[in-house]
Amino acid sequence: MKNIFISFLSLSGVLIFAQEAAPLHIQNMSLNAQSIFLKDGFKTDLGTEGIPYINNDLFSEAKVGTSEKLTSVRYNASLDQFEFLQNGQMLLMGKEDWYSPVYFPSTNEFVVLGDIIYKNKSTKSYLFEYIKGDKVSAYRKISKTFKKGEYAASSFDKDQPNRFREEPDQYYLKLEDGKFVEFPKNKKKLIELFPDKKKSINDNVISNDFDFNTKKLIVSLLNR
């Protein structure tokens, strides 16, 4: 793996270069893997299944931060970063607060940067607004992981291509104080988070299982 320079360009026109170690699929955004020469001879590339983006690989017009200017962007769910076009070049947006929110006028969708706990680690991540509330709002984190392929160990096996794998969406609540917390897994944890609403939660939430549909009910309940 080699170090490459990735350009970070703010909307104000300031260009900053940062040197980072990047996996193969970032170095070559076309996803054409380089051929590999191994001890037993020349190997063709493994190929790659899937893509790191959501909504195919299309760019959409969005307003970034406080700017009213429309910018062509797309979300790379493998990097958890937005890519944007500038003078025909594809660049990565940093995770500075001035890049938040990213607003898509065509779908009225907001994406915000939030400090969250993800896989037991503190991280700053882009979160897609799911429900906008007066007091409590709900967001989801969309992720994909890159799994490196493998050549067959013998003639009885098959080569395994590189893959972009979708991870289950993770949901978060944004509280009145602006803090993001993971969406409770059951009624007990919900009551621990909102003890002042214990009666209402017990009266309205019948099941301890929280599926995609009940999230709307719960967020509506918390905003009363």
Protein backbone atom coordinates (compact mmCIF):
# COMPACT_ATOMS: atom_id res chain seq x y z
CA MET A 1 0.00 0.00 0.00
CA LYS A 2 1.47 3.34 -0.88
CA ASN A 3 0.99 6.90 0.27
CA ILE A 4 -0.80 9.26 -2.04
CA PHE A 5 -1.77 12.91 -1.86
CA ILE A 6 -5.54 13.60 -1.67
CA SER A 7 -6.69 17.13 -2.29
CA PHE A 8 -9.01 18.79 0.18
CA LEU A 9 -10.68 21.85 -1.30
CA SER A 10 -13.02 24.10 0.71
CA LEU A 11 -15.85 25.94 -0.99
CA SER A 12 -14.10 29.22 -0.27
CA GLY A 13 -11.38 28.21 -2.71
CA VAL A 14 -8.66 27.24 -0.20
CA LEU A 15 -6.71 24.19 -1.38
CA ILE A 16 -4.98 22.01 1.21
CA PHE A 17 -2.99 18.89 0.52
CA ALA A 18 -2.78 16.04 3.03
CA GLN A 19 -0.79 12.86 2.68
CA GLU A 20 -2.68 9.74 3.62
CA ALA A 21 -2.31 6.01 3.25
CA ALA A 22 -5.16 4.82 1.03
CA PRO A 23 -6.37 1.37 0.03
CA LEU A 24 -6.35 0.29 -3.59
CA HIS A 25 -9.99 1.13 -4.21
CA ILE A 26 -9.33 4.76 -3.21
CA GLN A 27 -6.18 5.10 -5.25
CA ASN A 28 -8.03 3.93 -8.34
CA MET A 29 -11.60 5.24 -8.22
CA SER A 30 -12.43 3.37 -11.47
CA LEU A 31 -12.21 0.18 -9.39
CA ASN A 32 -9.93 -1.51 -11.95
CA ALA A 33 -7.56 -3.46 -9.72
CA GLN A 34 -3.91 -3.55 -10.71
CA SER A 35 -2.46 -6.85 -11.90
CA ILE A 36 -0.43 -8.64 -9.25
CA PHE A 37 2.72 -10.69 -9.87
CA LEU A 38 3.14 -13.54 -7.41
CA LYS A 39 5.79 -16.21 -7.00
CA ASP A 40 3.85 -18.74 -9.03
CA GLY A 41 3.45 -16.42 -12.01
CA PHE A 42 1.30 -13.64 -13.43
CA LYS A 43 -2.15 -13.18 -11.96
CA THR A 44 -5.00 -11.31 -13.57
CA ASP A 45 -6.89 -8.84 -11.40
CA LEU A 46 -9.63 -10.17 -9.15
CA GLY A 47 -12.14 -7.52 -10.13
CA THR A 48 -14.47 -5.73 -7.73
CA GLU A 49 -18.12 -6.35 -6.90
CA GLY A 50 -20.24 -3.41 -5.86
CA ILE A 51 -19.34 0.25 -5.47
CA PRO A 52 -18.55 2.44 -2.42
CA TYR A 53 -21.37 4.92 -3.18
CA ILE A 54 -25.05 5.13 -2.37
CA ASN A 55 -27.55 5.99 -5.11
CA ASN A 56 -25.26 4.37 -7.70
CA ASP A 57 -22.26 6.57 -8.44
CA LEU A 58 -24.17 9.65 -9.57
CA PHE A 59 -23.42 13.18 -8.41
CA SER A 60 -26.28 15.30 -7.05
CA GLU A 61 -26.59 19.04 -6.56
CA ALA A 62 -26.31 20.14 -2.92
CA LYS A 63 -25.68 23.19 -0.76
CA VAL A 64 -22.74 22.64 1.57
CA GLY A 65 -22.47 24.40 4.92
CA THR A 66 -23.69 28.00 4.79
CA SER A 67 -22.98 28.35 1.07
CA GLU A 68 -25.94 28.98 -1.23
CA LYS A 69 -23.92 27.76 -4.19
CA LEU A 70 -24.90 24.36 -5.60
CA THR A 71 -22.10 21.83 -5.68
CA SER A 72 -22.10 18.40 -7.36
CA VAL A 73 -21.48 15.82 -4.63
CA ARG A 74 -21.84 12.12 -3.93
CA TYR A 75 -21.46 10.16 -0.71
CA ASN A 76 -18.74 7.55 -0.43
CA ALA A 77 -20.12 5.20 2.21
CA SER A 78 -16.84 3.30 2.42
CA LEU A 79 -14.85 6.42 3.35
CA ASP A 80 -17.71 8.16 5.18
CA GLN A 81 -16.89 11.27 3.16
CA PHE A 82 -18.42 13.32 0.40
CA GLU A 83 -16.73 13.64 -2.97
CA PHE A 84 -17.29 16.69 -5.13
CA LEU A 85 -16.39 17.95 -8.58
CA GLN A 86 -14.19 21.01 -9.04
CA ASN A 87 -12.98 22.02 -12.50
CA GLY A 88 -13.49 18.49 -13.75
CA GLN A 89 -11.57 16.91 -10.87
CA MET A 90 -13.01 14.65 -8.18
CA LEU A 91 -11.96 15.80 -4.69
CA LEU A 92 -12.76 14.76 -1.12
CA MET A 93 -14.40 17.04 1.42
CA GLY A 94 -12.86 17.10 4.85
CA LYS A 95 -14.81 16.52 8.05
CA GLU A 96 -14.63 20.07 9.30
CA ASP A 97 -17.82 21.54 10.77
CA TRP A 98 -18.13 24.15 8.02
CA TYR A 99 -18.99 21.33 5.58
CA SER A 100 -22.16 20.63 7.56
CA PRO A 101 -24.98 20.39 6.77
CA VAL A 102 -25.09 19.04 3.23
CA TYR A 103 -28.56 19.89 1.90
CA PHE A 104 -30.12 18.34 -1.21
CA PRO A 105 -32.89 20.67 -2.47
CA SER A 106 -34.31 18.10 -4.92
CA THR A 107 -35.15 15.65 -2.10
CA ASN A 108 -35.24 18.09 0.85
CA GLU A 109 -32.70 15.84 2.57
CA PHE A 110 -30.15 16.97 5.17
CA VAL A 111 -26.90 15.24 6.04
CA VAL A 112 -25.00 16.50 9.09
CA LEU A 113 -21.66 15.87 10.76
CA GLY A 114 -22.05 14.46 14.25
CA ASP A 115 -19.82 13.17 17.03
CA ILE A 116 -21.01 9.63 17.71
CA ILE A 117 -19.98 6.29 19.18
CA TYR A 118 -19.70 3.76 16.35
CA LYS A 119 -18.45 0.21 16.92
CA ASN A 120 -17.37 1.24 20.42
CA LYS A 121 -15.21 4.10 19.14
CA SER A 122 -15.71 7.86 19.18
CA THR A 123 -15.81 9.25 15.66
CA LYS A 124 -17.08 12.18 13.61
CA SER A 125 -19.44 10.88 10.98
CA TYR A 126 -21.94 12.02 8.37
CA LEU A 127 -25.50 11.22 9.45
CA PHE A 128 -28.57 11.26 7.23
CA GLU A 129 -31.60 12.97 8.74
CA TYR A 130 -34.45 10.51 9.16
CA ILE A 131 -36.96 12.45 11.27
CA LYS A 132 -36.78 16.17 12.11
CA GLY A 133 -38.33 16.97 15.47
CA ASP A 134 -38.72 20.11 17.57
CA LYS A 135 -36.83 18.57 20.48
CA VAL A 136 -35.49 15.20 19.37
CA SER A 137 -34.51 14.19 15.82
CA ALA A 138 -33.44 10.86 14.36
CA TYR A 139 -30.52 10.17 12.02
CA ARG A 140 -29.01 7.13 10.37
CA LYS A 141 -25.44 6.27 9.52
CA ILE A 142 -24.99 4.57 6.13
CA SER A 143 -21.83 2.49 5.79
CA LYS A 144 -20.08 0.14 3.40
CA THR A 145 -16.91 -1.84 4.03
CA PHE A 146 -14.28 -2.94 1.53
CA LYS A 147 -13.24 -6.59 1.70
CA LYS A 148 -10.11 -7.52 -0.18
CA GLY A 149 -10.42 -10.50 -2.51
CA GLU A 150 -8.33 -13.64 -2.49
CA TYR A 151 -6.87 -15.88 -5.15
CA ALA A 152 -7.87 -19.54 -5.06
CA ALA A 153 -5.54 -21.64 -2.93
CA SER A 154 -5.90 -24.57 -5.31
CA SER A 155 -7.62 -25.58 -8.53
CA PHE A 156 -10.54 -26.87 -6.46
CA ASP A 157 -11.30 -23.36 -5.14
CA LYS A 158 -12.50 -20.19 -6.81
CA ASP A 159 -11.00 -16.72 -6.78
CA GLN A 160 -12.89 -14.35 -4.49
CA PRO A 161 -13.24 -10.82 -5.95
CA ASN A 162 -12.87 -7.61 -3.99
CA ARG A 163 -16.21 -6.56 -2.55
CA PHE A 164 -17.97 -3.51 -1.20
CA ARG A 165 -20.35 -4.80 1.46
CA GLU A 166 -23.28 -2.85 2.87
CA GLU A 167 -23.35 -2.60 6.65
CA PRO A 168 -26.65 -2.41 8.58
CA ASP A 169 -27.78 1.18 9.07
CA GLN A 170 -27.10 2.53 12.56
CA TYR A 171 -29.62 4.96 14.06
CA TYR A 172 -28.96 7.88 16.38
CA LEU A 173 -31.03 10.43 18.25
CA LYS A 174 -30.05 14.08 18.40
CA LEU A 175 -31.13 15.43 21.79
CA GLU A 176 -32.19 18.96 22.72
CA ASP A 177 -28.63 19.80 23.81
CA GLY A 178 -27.28 18.81 20.37
CA LYS A 179 -25.69 15.58 21.57
CA PHE A 180 -26.00 12.43 19.44
CA VAL A 181 -26.77 9.13 21.18
CA GLU A 182 -27.33 5.69 19.72
CA PHE A 183 -30.98 4.80 19.25
CA PRO A 184 -32.04 2.61 22.22
CA LYS A 185 -32.31 -1.09 21.49
CA ASN A 186 -35.32 -1.68 23.74
CA LYS A 187 -37.94 0.01 25.89
CA LYS A 188 -35.87 -0.24 29.07
CA LYS A 189 -32.95 1.67 27.55
CA LEU A 190 -35.33 4.22 26.07
CA ILE A 191 -36.79 4.91 29.52
CA GLU A 192 -33.28 5.19 30.99
CA LEU A 193 -32.51 7.85 28.39
CA PHE A 194 -35.83 9.69 28.89
CA PRO A 195 -36.94 8.93 32.48
CA ASP A 196 -39.36 11.87 32.50
CA LYS A 197 -41.35 10.15 29.74
CA LYS A 198 -41.56 6.75 31.41
CA LYS A 199 -45.35 6.70 31.65
CA SER A 200 -45.87 7.82 28.07
CA ILE A 201 -43.34 5.29 26.79
CA ASN A 202 -44.99 2.44 28.73
CA ASP A 203 -48.42 3.51 27.49
CA ASN A 204 -47.42 3.84 23.84
CA VAL A 205 -44.60 1.41 23.14
CA ILE A 206 -46.12 -2.06 23.31
CA SER A 207 -43.20 -4.09 21.98
CA ASN A 208 -39.56 -4.10 23.05
CA ASP A 209 -38.54 -4.66 19.41
CA PHE A 210 -37.67 -1.47 17.56
CA ASP A 211 -38.03 -1.81 13.82
CA PHE A 212 -37.83 0.77 11.05
CA ASN A 213 -41.51 1.74 11.31
CA THR A 214 -41.72 2.17 15.10
CA LYS A 215 -38.88 4.73 15.03
CA LYS A 216 -41.31 7.31 13.67
CA LEU A 217 -43.73 6.59 16.52
CA ILE A 218 -41.01 6.80 19.15
CA VAL A 219 -39.51 10.08 17.88
CA SER A 220 -43.03 11.54 17.66
CA LEU A 221 -43.61 10.46 21.27
CA LEU A 222 -40.36 12.06 22.47
CA ASN A 223 -41.24 15.40 20.88
CA ARG A 224 -44.52 15.76 22.81
